[in-house]
PDB file of N, CA and C in Angstrom:
ATOM      1  N   MET A   1       9.081  20.188 -20.573  1.00  0.00           N
ATOM      2  CA  MET A   1      10.029  20.067 -19.507  1.00  0.00           C
ATOM      3  C   MET A   1      11.021  20.795 -19.283  1.00  0.00           C
ATOM      4  N   GLU A   2      11.453  20.368 -19.138  1.00  0.00           N
ATOM      5  CA  GLU A   2      13.150  19.880 -18.432  1.00  0.00           C
ATOM      6  C   GLU A   2      13.800  20.393 -19.683  1.00  0.00           C
ATOM      7  N   ASP A   3      13.472  19.926 -21.198  1.00  0.00           N
ATOM      8  CA  ASP A   3      14.401  20.491 -22.391  1.00  0.00           C
ATOM      9  C   ASP A   3      14.570  21.955 -22.261  1.00  0.00           C
ATOM     10  N   HIS A   4      13.229  21.598 -21.901  1.00  0.00           N
ATOM     11  CA  HIS A   4      13.045  24.225 -22.043  1.00  0.00           C
ATOM     12  C   HIS A   4      14.127  24.714 -21.071  1.00  0.00           C
ATOM     13  N   TYR A   5      13.581  24.320 -18.977  1.00  0.00           N
ATOM     14  CA  TYR A   5      14.443  24.858 -18.372  1.00  0.00           C
ATOM     15  C   TYR A   5      15.653  24.733 -18.976  1.00  0.00           C
ATOM     16  N   ALA A   6      16.666  23.621 -19.582  1.00  0.00           N
ATOM     17  CA  ALA A   6      17.924  23.626 -19.102  1.00  0.00           C
ATOM     18  C   ALA A   6      18.524  24.573 -20.823  1.00  0.00           C
ATOM     19  N   GLN A   7      18.052  24.891 -21.942  1.00  0.00           N
ATOM     20  CA  GLN A   7      17.792  25.515 -22.793  1.00  0.00           C
ATOM     21  C   GLN A   7      18.094  27.087 -22.463  1.00  0.00           C
ATOM     22  N   GLY A   8      17.141  27.084 -21.140  1.00  0.00           N
ATOM     23  CA  GLY A   8      17.182  28.372 -19.634  1.00  0.00           C
ATOM     24  C   GLY A   8      16.008  29.555 -20.307  1.00  0.00           C
ATOM     25  N   ILE A   9      14.782  28.552 -21.203  1.00  0.00           N
ATOM     26  CA  ILE A   9      13.611  29.424 -21.021  1.00  0.00           C
ATOM     27  C   ILE A   9      13.461  28.647 -19.503  1.00  0.00           C
ATOM     28  N   LYS A  10      11.920  29.633 -18.702  1.00  0.00           N
ATOM     29  CA  LYS A  10      12.098  29.446 -16.955  1.00  0.00           C
ATOM     30  C   LYS A  10      10.988  28.397 -17.974  1.00  0.00           C
ATOM     31  N   LYS A  11       9.773  27.991 -16.913  1.00  0.00           N
ATOM     32  CA  LYS A  11       9.904  27.219 -16.793  1.00  0.00           C
ATOM     33  C   LYS A  11       7.861  27.983 -16.711  1.00  0.00           C
ATOM     34  N   ALA A  12       7.814  29.160 -16.217  1.00  0.00           N
ATOM     35  CA  ALA A  12       6.286  29.675 -16.115  1.00  0.00           C
ATOM     36  C   ALA A  12       6.593  29.972 -17.342  1.00  0.00           C
ATOM     37  N   GLU A  13       7.517  30.839 -18.285  1.00  0.00           N
ATOM     38  CA  GLU A  13       7.255  31.437 -19.448  1.00  0.00           C
ATOM     39  C   GLU A  13       6.861  29.462 -20.747  1.00  0.00           C
ATOM     40  N   THR A  14       7.721  28.811 -20.220  1.00  0.00           N
ATOM     41  CA  THR A  14       6.444  26.976 -21.225  1.00  0.00           C
ATOM     42  C   THR A  14       5.617  26.963 -20.798  1.00  0.00           C
ATOM     43  N   LEU A  15       4.834  27.482 -19.458  1.00  0.00           N
ATOM     44  CA  LEU A  15       3.842  27.029 -19.300  1.00  0.00           C
ATOM     45  C   LEU A  15       2.590  27.710 -19.615  1.00  0.00           C
ATOM     46  N   ARG A  16       3.049  29.226 -18.771  1.00  0.00           N
ATOM     47  CA  ARG A  16       1.939  30.040 -20.060  1.00  0.00           C
ATOM     48  C   ARG A  16       1.728  29.692 -22.350  1.00  0.00           C
ATOM     49  N   SER A  17       3.538  29.694 -22.452  1.00  0.00           N
ATOM     50  CA  SER A  17       2.743  29.089 -23.873  1.00  0.00           C
ATOM     51  C   SER A  17       2.193  27.816 -23.602  1.00  0.00           C
ATOM     52  N   LEU A  18       1.864  26.918 -23.110  1.00  0.00           N
ATOM     53  CA  LEU A  18       1.423  26.037 -23.373  1.00  0.00           C
ATOM     54  C   LEU A  18       0.226  25.559 -23.695  1.00  0.00           C
ATOM     55  N   GLY A  19      -0.142  27.132 -22.302  1.00  0.00           N
ATOM     56  CA  GLY A  19      -2.146  27.861 -21.549  1.00  0.00           C
ATOM     57  C   GLY A  19      -2.234  26.626 -20.535  1.00  0.00           C
ATOM     58  N   VAL A  20      -1.272  26.293 -19.544  1.00  0.00           N
ATOM     59  CA  VAL A  20      -1.253  25.212 -17.797  1.00  0.00           C
ATOM     60  C   VAL A  20      -0.997  26.143 -17.357  1.00  0.00           C
ATOM     61  N   SER A  21      -1.773  26.578 -16.605  1.00  0.00           N
ATOM     62  CA  SER A  21      -1.260  27.214 -15.561  1.00  0.00           C
ATOM     63  C   SER A  21       0.144  26.215 -13.778  1.00  0.00           C
ATOM     64  N   ARG A  22       0.741  27.588 -13.606  1.00  0.00           N
ATOM     65  CA  ARG A  22       1.309  27.104 -12.733  1.00  0.00           C
ATOM     66  C   ARG A  22       1.665  26.376 -11.075  1.00  0.00           C
ATOM     67  N   SER A  23      -0.108  25.936 -10.706  1.00  0.00           N
ATOM     68  CA  SER A  23      -1.038  26.059 -10.395  1.00  0.00           C
ATOM     69  C   SER A  23      -1.107  24.183 -10.765  1.00  0.00           C
ATOM     70  N   THR A  24      -1.653  23.733 -12.073  1.00  0.00           N
ATOM     71  CA  THR A  24      -2.235  22.292 -12.579  1.00  0.00           C
ATOM     72  C   THR A  24      -0.725  21.752 -12.860  1.00  0.00           C
ATOM     73  N   TYR A  25       0.966  22.553 -13.420  1.00  0.00           N
ATOM     74  CA  TYR A  25       1.358  21.400 -13.529  1.00  0.00           C
ATOM     75  C   TYR A  25       2.224  21.078 -12.035  1.00  0.00           C
ATOM     76  N   TYR A  26       2.342  21.647 -10.900  1.00  0.00           N
ATOM     77  CA  TYR A  26       2.872  21.350  -9.495  1.00  0.00           C
ATOM     78  C   TYR A  26       1.750  20.468  -8.526  1.00  0.00           C
ATOM     79  N   GLY A  27       0.469  20.684  -8.842  1.00  0.00           N
ATOM     80  CA  GLY A  27      -0.494  19.635  -9.098  1.00  0.00           C
ATOM     81  C   GLY A  27      -0.142  18.271  -9.591  1.00  0.00           C
ATOM     82  N   TRP A  28       0.064  18.860 -10.555  1.00  0.00           N
ATOM     83  CA  TRP A  28       0.205  16.758 -11.857  1.00  0.00           C
ATOM     84  C   TRP A  28       1.558  15.966 -10.606  1.00  0.00           C
ATOM     85  N   LEU A  29       2.518  17.042 -10.303  1.00  0.00           N
ATOM     86  CA  LEU A  29       3.578  16.689 -10.599  1.00  0.00           C
ATOM     87  C   LEU A  29       3.259  15.436  -9.259  1.00  0.00           C
ATOM     88  N   LYS A  30       3.232  16.719  -7.642  1.00  0.00           N
ATOM     89  CA  LYS A  30       2.543  15.608  -6.738  1.00  0.00           C
ATOM     90  C   LYS A  30       2.322  14.146  -6.778  1.00  0.00           C
ATOM     91  N   ARG A  31       1.451  14.826  -8.055  1.00  0.00           N
ATOM     92  CA  ARG A  31      -0.048  13.592  -8.052  1.00  0.00           C
ATOM     93  C   ARG A  31       0.453  12.106  -8.802  1.00  0.00           C
ATOM     94  N   THR A  32       1.908  12.783  -9.579  1.00  0.00           N
ATOM     95  CA  THR A  32       2.788  11.243  -9.999  1.00  0.00           C
ATOM     96  C   THR A  32       3.408  10.291  -9.040  1.00  0.00           C
ATOM     97  N   PRO A  33       2.824   8.654  -9.439  1.00  0.00           N
ATOM     98  CA  PRO A  33       3.109   7.896  -8.630  1.00  0.00           C
ATOM     99  C   PRO A  33       4.515   8.065  -8.229  1.00  0.00           C
ATOM    100  N   LYS A  34       5.535   8.199  -7.651  1.00  0.00           N
ATOM    101  CA  LYS A  34       6.043   7.467  -6.863  1.00  0.00           C
ATOM    102  C   LYS A  34       6.984   5.818  -6.921  1.00  0.00           C
ATOM    103  N   ALA A  35       7.826   5.658  -7.010  1.00  0.00           N
ATOM    104  CA  ALA A  35       7.916   3.944  -7.501  1.00  0.00           C
ATOM    105  C   ALA A  35       7.927   3.598  -5.756  1.00  0.00           C
ATOM    106  N   SER A  36       8.850   4.156  -4.687  1.00  0.00           N
ATOM    107  CA  SER A  36       9.282   4.145  -3.940  1.00  0.00           C
ATOM    108  C   SER A  36       7.850   3.853  -3.132  1.00  0.00           C
ATOM    109  N   ALA A  37       6.190   4.371  -3.301  1.00  0.00           N
ATOM    110  CA  ALA A  37       5.047   3.886  -2.965  1.00  0.00           C
ATOM    111  C   ALA A  37       4.805   2.463  -2.957  1.00  0.00           C
ATOM    112  N   PHE A  38       4.740   2.118  -3.528  1.00  0.00           N
ATOM    113  CA  PHE A  38       4.325   0.559  -4.175  1.00  0.00           C
ATOM    114  C   PHE A  38       5.751  -0.043  -3.273  1.00  0.00           C
ATOM    115  N   ASN A  39       6.541  -0.012  -2.300  1.00  0.00           N
ATOM    116  CA  ASN A  39       7.488  -1.283  -2.410  1.00  0.00           C
ATOM    117  C   ASN A  39       7.462  -0.323  -0.565  1.00  0.00           C
ATOM    118  N   SER A  40       6.961  -0.839  -0.138  1.00  0.00           N
ATOM    119  CA  SER A  40       6.361  -0.316   1.612  1.00  0.00           C
ATOM    120  C   SER A  40       7.017  -1.590   2.493  1.00  0.00           C
ATOM    121  N   ILE A  41       7.813  -1.200   3.452  1.00  0.00           N
ATOM    122  CA  ILE A  41       8.551  -2.191   4.392  1.00  0.00           C
ATOM    123  C   ILE A  41       7.401  -2.821   5.416  1.00  0.00           C
ATOM    124  N   LEU A  42       6.456  -2.462   4.929  1.00  0.00           N
ATOM    125  CA  LEU A  42       5.399  -2.697   6.476  1.00  0.00           C
ATOM    126  C   LEU A  42       4.159  -4.065   5.053  1.00  0.00           C
ATOM    127  N   ALA A  43       4.337  -4.464   3.578  1.00  0.00           N
ATOM    128  CA  ALA A  43       4.529  -5.303   3.316  1.00  0.00           C
ATOM    129  C   ALA A  43       4.103  -6.488   3.472  1.00  0.00           C
ATOM    130  N   LEU A  44       3.404  -7.485   3.689  1.00  0.00           N
ATOM    131  CA  LEU A  44       3.760  -9.025   4.034  1.00  0.00           C
ATOM    132  C   LEU A  44       4.169  -9.289   3.001  1.00  0.00           C
ATOM    133  N   THR A  45       5.638 -10.837   3.114  1.00  0.00           N
ATOM    134  CA  THR A  45       6.579 -11.032   1.734  1.00  0.00           C
ATOM    135  C   THR A  45       5.896 -12.302   1.958  1.00  0.00           C
ATOM    136  N   GLU A  46       5.783 -12.797   0.551  1.00  0.00           N
ATOM    137  CA  GLU A  46       4.784 -13.867  -0.165  1.00  0.00           C
ATOM    138  C   GLU A  46       4.966 -15.136   1.083  1.00  0.00           C
ATOM    139  N   VAL A  47       6.104 -15.130   1.894  1.00  0.00           N
ATOM    140  CA  VAL A  47       5.905 -16.378   2.291  1.00  0.00           C
ATOM    141  C   VAL A  47       4.944 -16.262   3.932  1.00  0.00           C
ATOM    142  N   GLU A  48       4.604 -15.403   4.268  1.00  0.00           N
ATOM    143  CA  GLU A  48       4.259 -14.832   5.695  1.00  0.00           C
ATOM    144  C   GLU A  48       2.533 -14.509   5.328  1.00  0.00           C
ATOM    145  N   ALA A  49       2.626 -14.272   3.522  1.00  0.00           N
ATOM    146  CA  ALA A  49       1.174 -14.251   3.236  1.00  0.00           C
ATOM    147  C   ALA A  49       0.643 -15.740   3.122  1.00  0.00           C
ATOM    148  N   ARG A  50       1.122 -16.696   2.723  1.00  0.00           N
ATOM    149  CA  ARG A  50       1.774 -18.619   2.314  1.00  0.00           C
ATOM    150  C   ARG A  50       1.317 -18.379   4.068  1.00  0.00           C
ATOM    151  N   ALA A  51       1.957 -18.372   4.241  1.00  0.00           N
ATOM    152  CA  ALA A  51       1.695 -18.704   6.442  1.00  0.00           C
ATOM    153  C   ALA A  51      -0.049 -18.390   6.863  1.00  0.00           C
ATOM    154  N   VAL A  52      -0.145 -17.225   6.319  1.00  0.00           N
ATOM    155  CA  VAL A  52      -1.475 -16.930   6.561  1.00  0.00           C
ATOM    156  C   VAL A  52      -2.367 -17.930   6.361  1.00  0.00           C
ATOM    157  N   LEU A  53      -2.478 -18.295   5.063  1.00  0.00           N
ATOM    158  CA  LEU A  53      -3.888 -18.285   4.611  1.00  0.00           C
ATOM    159  C   LEU A  53      -3.525 -19.752   4.427  1.00  0.00           C
ATOM    160  N   GLU A  54      -2.049 -20.455   4.888  1.00  0.00           N
ATOM    161  CA  GLU A  54      -3.071 -21.528   5.467  1.00  0.00           C
ATOM    162  C   GLU A  54      -3.329 -22.275   7.415  1.00  0.00           C
ATOM    163  N   LYS A  55      -3.219 -21.097   7.772  1.00  0.00           N
ATOM    164  CA  LYS A  55      -3.363 -21.306   9.055  1.00  0.00           C
ATOM    165  C   LYS A  55      -5.038 -20.976   8.644  1.00  0.00           C
ATOM    166  N   LYS A  56      -5.338 -19.964   8.296  1.00  0.00           N
ATOM    167  CA  LYS A  56      -6.468 -19.530   8.619  1.00  0.00           C
ATOM    168  C   LYS A  56      -7.869 -20.820   7.480  1.00  0.00           C
ATOM    169  N   GLN A  57      -6.513 -21.324   6.777  1.00  0.00           N
ATOM    170  CA  GLN A  57      -7.105 -22.945   6.271  1.00  0.00           C
ATOM    171  C   GLN A  57      -7.752 -24.139   7.043  1.00  0.00           C
ATOM    172  N   ALA A  58      -6.383 -23.826   8.220  1.00  0.00           N
ATOM    173  CA  ALA A  58      -5.898 -24.774   9.012  1.00  0.00           C
ATOM    174  C   ALA A  58      -7.073 -25.061   9.694  1.00  0.00           C
ATOM    175  N   GLU A  59      -6.981 -23.861   9.856  1.00  0.00           N
ATOM    176  CA  GLU A  59      -7.671 -22.750  11.895  1.00  0.00           C
ATOM    177  C   GLU A  59      -9.166 -22.121  10.629  1.00  0.00           C
ATOM    178  N   PRO A  60      -9.929 -23.016   9.801  1.00  0.00           N
ATOM    179  CA  PRO A  60     -10.668 -21.313   9.576  1.00  0.00           C
ATOM    180  C   PRO A  60     -11.924 -20.941  10.924  1.00  0.00           C
ATOM    181  N   HIS A  61     -11.453 -21.357  12.409  1.00  0.00           N
ATOM    182  CA  HIS A  61     -12.563 -20.766  13.461  1.00  0.00           C
ATOM    183  C   HIS A  61     -11.365 -19.392  14.111  1.00  0.00           C
ATOM    184  N   LEU A  62     -10.834 -19.203  13.184  1.00  0.00           N
ATOM    185  CA  LEU A  62      -9.381 -18.427  14.507  1.00  0.00           C
ATOM    186  C   LEU A  62      -9.829 -17.017  13.755  1.00  0.00           C
ATOM    187  N   SER A  63      -9.853 -15.676  14.254  1.00  0.00           N
ATOM    188  CA  SER A  63     -10.101 -14.680  13.871  1.00  0.00           C
ATOM    189  C   SER A  63      -8.515 -13.786  13.240  1.00  0.00           C
ATOM    190  N   HIS A  64      -8.621 -12.986  13.172  1.00  0.00           N
ATOM    191  CA  HIS A  64      -7.618 -11.972  12.086  1.00  0.00           C
ATOM    192  C   HIS A  64      -6.326 -11.728  13.895  1.00  0.00           C
ATOM    193  N   ARG A  65      -7.021 -11.883  14.156  1.00  0.00           N
ATOM    194  CA  ARG A  65      -5.759 -11.052  15.474  1.00  0.00           C
ATOM    195  C   ARG A  65      -5.531 -12.371  15.621  1.00  0.00           C
ATOM    196  N   ARG A  66      -5.585 -13.580  16.126  1.00  0.00           N
ATOM    197  CA  ARG A  66      -5.561 -15.072  16.958  1.00  0.00           C
ATOM    198  C   ARG A  66      -4.014 -15.508  15.895  1.00  0.00           C
ATOM    199  N   ILE A  67      -4.440 -15.450  14.759  1.00  0.00           N
ATOM    200  CA  ILE A  67      -3.997 -16.214  13.722  1.00  0.00           C
ATOM    201  C   ILE A  67      -2.592 -14.815  13.570  1.00  0.00           C
ATOM    202  N   SER A  68      -2.592 -13.578  13.445  1.00  0.00           N
ATOM    203  CA  SER A  68      -1.470 -12.758  13.956  1.00  0.00           C
ATOM    204  C   SER A  68      -0.577 -13.486  14.997  1.00  0.00           C
ATOM    205  N   GLY A  69      -1.184 -13.165  16.413  1.00  0.00           N
ATOM    206  CA  GLY A  69      -0.835 -13.247  17.994  1.00  0.00           C
ATOM    207  C   GLY A  69      -0.037 -15.386  17.147  1.00  0.00           C
ATOM    208  N   VAL A  70      -0.330 -16.196  17.086  1.00  0.00           N
ATOM    209  CA  VAL A  70       0.110 -17.305  16.193  1.00  0.00           C
ATOM    210  C   VAL A  70       1.144 -17.893  15.855  1.00  0.00           C
ATOM    211  N   LEU A  71       1.115 -17.329  14.648  1.00  0.00           N
ATOM    212  CA  LEU A  71       2.504 -16.267  13.901  1.00  0.00           C
ATOM    213  C   LEU A  71       3.541 -15.930  14.032  1.00  0.00           C
ATOM    214  N   ARG A  72       2.806 -15.006  15.249  1.00  0.00           N
ATOM    215  CA  ARG A  72       4.346 -13.946  15.549  1.00  0.00           C
ATOM    216  C   ARG A  72       4.951 -15.295  17.190  1.00  0.00           C
ATOM    217  N   GLN A  73       4.194 -15.460  17.029  1.00  0.00           N
ATOM    218  CA  GLN A  73       5.546 -16.829  18.459  1.00  0.00           C
ATOM    219  C   GLN A  73       6.012 -17.952  17.368  1.00  0.00           C
ATOM    220  N   GLU A  74       5.269 -17.740  16.616  1.00  0.00           N
ATOM    221  CA  GLU A  74       6.452 -19.173  15.615  1.00  0.00           C
ATOM    222  C   GLU A  74       7.784 -18.414  14.707  1.00  0.00           C
ATOM    223  N   GLY A  75       7.606 -16.993  14.887  1.00  0.00           N
ATOM    224  CA  GLY A  75       8.177 -16.189  14.399  1.00  0.00           C
ATOM    225  C   GLY A  75       8.129 -15.201  13.552  1.00  0.00           C
ATOM    226  N   TYR A  76       6.571 -15.449  12.474  1.00  0.00           N
ATOM    227  CA  TYR A  76       6.222 -14.286  11.369  1.00  0.00           C
ATOM    228  C   TYR A  76       6.458 -12.953  11.919  1.00  0.00           C
ATOM    229  N   SER A  77       6.305 -11.880  12.149  1.00  0.00           N
ATOM    230  CA  SER A  77       6.617 -10.707  12.186  1.00  0.00           C
ATOM    231  C   SER A  77       5.160 -10.105  11.360  1.00  0.00           C
ATOM    232  N   ILE A  78       3.428 -10.475  11.507  1.00  0.00           N
ATOM    233  CA  ILE A  78       2.693 -10.343  11.006  1.00  0.00           C
ATOM    234  C   ILE A  78       1.507  -9.158  12.176  1.00  0.00           C
ATOM    235  N   SER A  79       1.497  -9.044  11.678  1.00  0.00           N
ATOM    236  CA  SER A  79       0.411  -7.069  12.526  1.00  0.00           C
ATOM    237  C   SER A  79      -0.785  -7.477  11.840  1.00  0.00           C
ATOM    238  N   PRO A  80      -1.764  -7.612  12.738  1.00  0.00           N
ATOM    239  CA  PRO A  80      -2.661  -7.920  13.266  1.00  0.00           C
ATOM    240  C   PRO A  80      -4.121  -7.055  12.150  1.00  0.00           C
ATOM    241  N   SER A  81      -3.532  -5.824  11.364  1.00  0.00           N
ATOM    242  CA  SER A  81      -3.963  -5.613  10.364  1.00  0.00           C
ATOM    243  C   SER A  81      -4.285  -5.845   9.126  1.00  0.00           C
ATOM    244  N   ASN A  82      -2.387  -6.642   9.404  1.00  0.00           N
ATOM    245  CA  ASN A  82      -2.259  -7.236   7.680  1.00  0.00           C
ATOM    246  C   ASN A  82      -3.211  -8.107   7.375  1.00  0.00           C
ATOM    247  N   CYS A  83      -3.227  -9.165   8.558  1.00  0.00           N
ATOM    248  CA  CYS A  83      -4.380  -9.661   8.516  1.00  0.00           C
ATOM    249  C   CYS A  83      -5.287 -10.014   7.846  1.00  0.00           C
ATOM    250  N   TYR A  84      -5.624  -9.071   8.318  1.00  0.00           N
ATOM    251  CA  TYR A  84      -7.566  -9.178   8.335  1.00  0.00           C
ATOM    252  C   TYR A  84      -7.367  -8.010   7.076  1.00  0.00           C
ATOM    253  N   HIS A  85      -6.650  -7.250   6.116  1.00  0.00           N
ATOM    254  CA  HIS A  85      -6.387  -6.768   5.274  1.00  0.00           C
ATOM    255  C   HIS A  85      -6.495  -8.075   4.075  1.00  0.00           C
ATOM    256  N   MET A  86      -5.407  -8.657   4.514  1.00  0.00           N
ATOM    257  CA  MET A  86      -5.710 -10.030   3.750  1.00  0.00           C
ATOM    258  C   MET A  86      -6.304 -10.990   3.802  1.00  0.00           C
ATOM    259  N   LEU A  87      -7.408 -11.422   4.386  1.00  0.00           N
ATOM    260  CA  LEU A  87      -8.327 -11.771   5.115  1.00  0.00           C
ATOM    261  C   LEU A  87      -9.774 -11.414   4.062  1.00  0.00           C
ATOM    262  N   LYS A  88      -9.810 -10.101   4.423  1.00  0.00           N
ATOM    263  CA  LYS A  88     -11.016  -9.522   3.969  1.00  0.00           C
ATOM    264  C   LYS A  88     -11.315  -9.434   2.113  1.00  0.00           C
ATOM    265  N   GLU A  89      -9.473  -9.333   1.831  1.00  0.00           N
ATOM    266  CA  GLU A  89      -9.878  -9.514   0.455  1.00  0.00           C
ATOM    267  C   GLU A  89      -9.950 -10.732  -0.600  1.00  0.00           C
ATOM    268  N   ARG A  90     -10.184 -11.659   0.723  1.00  0.00           N
ATOM    269  CA  ARG A  90     -10.670 -13.314  -0.358  1.00  0.00           C
ATOM    270  C   ARG A  90     -12.195 -12.902   0.873  1.00  0.00           C
ATOM    271  N   GLY A  91     -12.601 -12.675   1.961  1.00  0.00           N
ATOM    272  CA  GLY A  91     -14.348 -12.682   1.784  1.00  0.00           C
ATOM    273  C   GLY A  91     -13.924 -13.607   2.797  1.00  0.00           C
ATOM    274  N   TRP A  92     -12.942 -14.150   3.781  1.00  0.00           N
ATOM    275  CA  TRP A  92     -12.551 -14.627   4.840  1.00  0.00           C
ATOM    276  C   TRP A  92     -12.988 -13.821   6.271  1.00  0.00           C
ATOM    277  N   VAL A  93     -13.319 -12.578   6.258  1.00  0.00           N
ATOM    278  CA  VAL A  93     -13.780 -12.387   7.421  1.00  0.00           C
ATOM    279  C   VAL A  93     -14.774 -12.259   8.204  1.00  0.00           C
ATOM    280  N   TRP A  94     -15.198 -12.259   9.049  1.00  0.00           N
ATOM    281  CA  TRP A  94     -16.472 -12.458   9.732  1.00  0.00           C
ATOM    282  C   TRP A  94     -17.165 -11.158  10.471  1.00  0.00           C
ATOM    283  N   PRO A  95     -18.102 -10.620  10.819  1.00  0.00           N
ATOM    284  CA  PRO A  95     -18.272  -9.992  12.403  1.00  0.00           C
ATOM    285  C   PRO A  95     -18.061 -10.271  13.463  1.00  0.00           C
ATOM    286  N   GLN A  96     -17.234  -9.301  13.786  1.00  0.00           N
ATOM    287  CA  GLN A  96     -16.895 -10.318  15.687  1.00  0.00           C
ATOM    288  C   GLN A  96     -17.814  -9.186  16.124  1.00  0.00           C
ATOM    289  N   PRO A  97     -19.140 -10.568  17.431  1.00  0.00           N
ATOM    290  CA  PRO A  97     -19.725 -10.256  18.289  1.00  0.00           C
ATOM    291  C   PRO A  97     -19.832  -9.140  19.368  1.00  0.00           C
ATOM    292  N   LEU A  98     -20.468  -8.453  19.678  1.00  0.00           N
ATOM    293  CA  LEU A  98     -19.670  -7.121  20.240  1.00  0.00           C
ATOM    294  C   LEU A  98     -19.780  -7.966  22.105  1.00  0.00           C
ATOM    295  N   ARG A  99     -18.848  -7.677  22.601  1.00  0.00           N
ATOM    296  CA  ARG A  99     -19.329  -8.792  24.466  1.00  0.00           C
ATOM    297  C   ARG A  99     -21.016  -7.567  24.635  1.00  0.00           C
TER     298      ARG A  99
END
């Protein structure tokens, strides 16, 4: 597509010759994953993930919120939601009773 555009052929003409509508083409461009979407700054590092797992193994009665709080006091920056998602993937989350 870009080769045709570089040669002076408009995108609309190229798409028409291929039998593809412009809306389909631009929708396809939007759905193409970007490399930066996979490298979130909010993702846990391996050290933080290991710390969560070690804390849960050492003290299985702690909830994800408590683990997050304890690890934050130790200098890690781990949110309760990150901790919850990691523990849920492993099946280590149990239902919390309502007060």
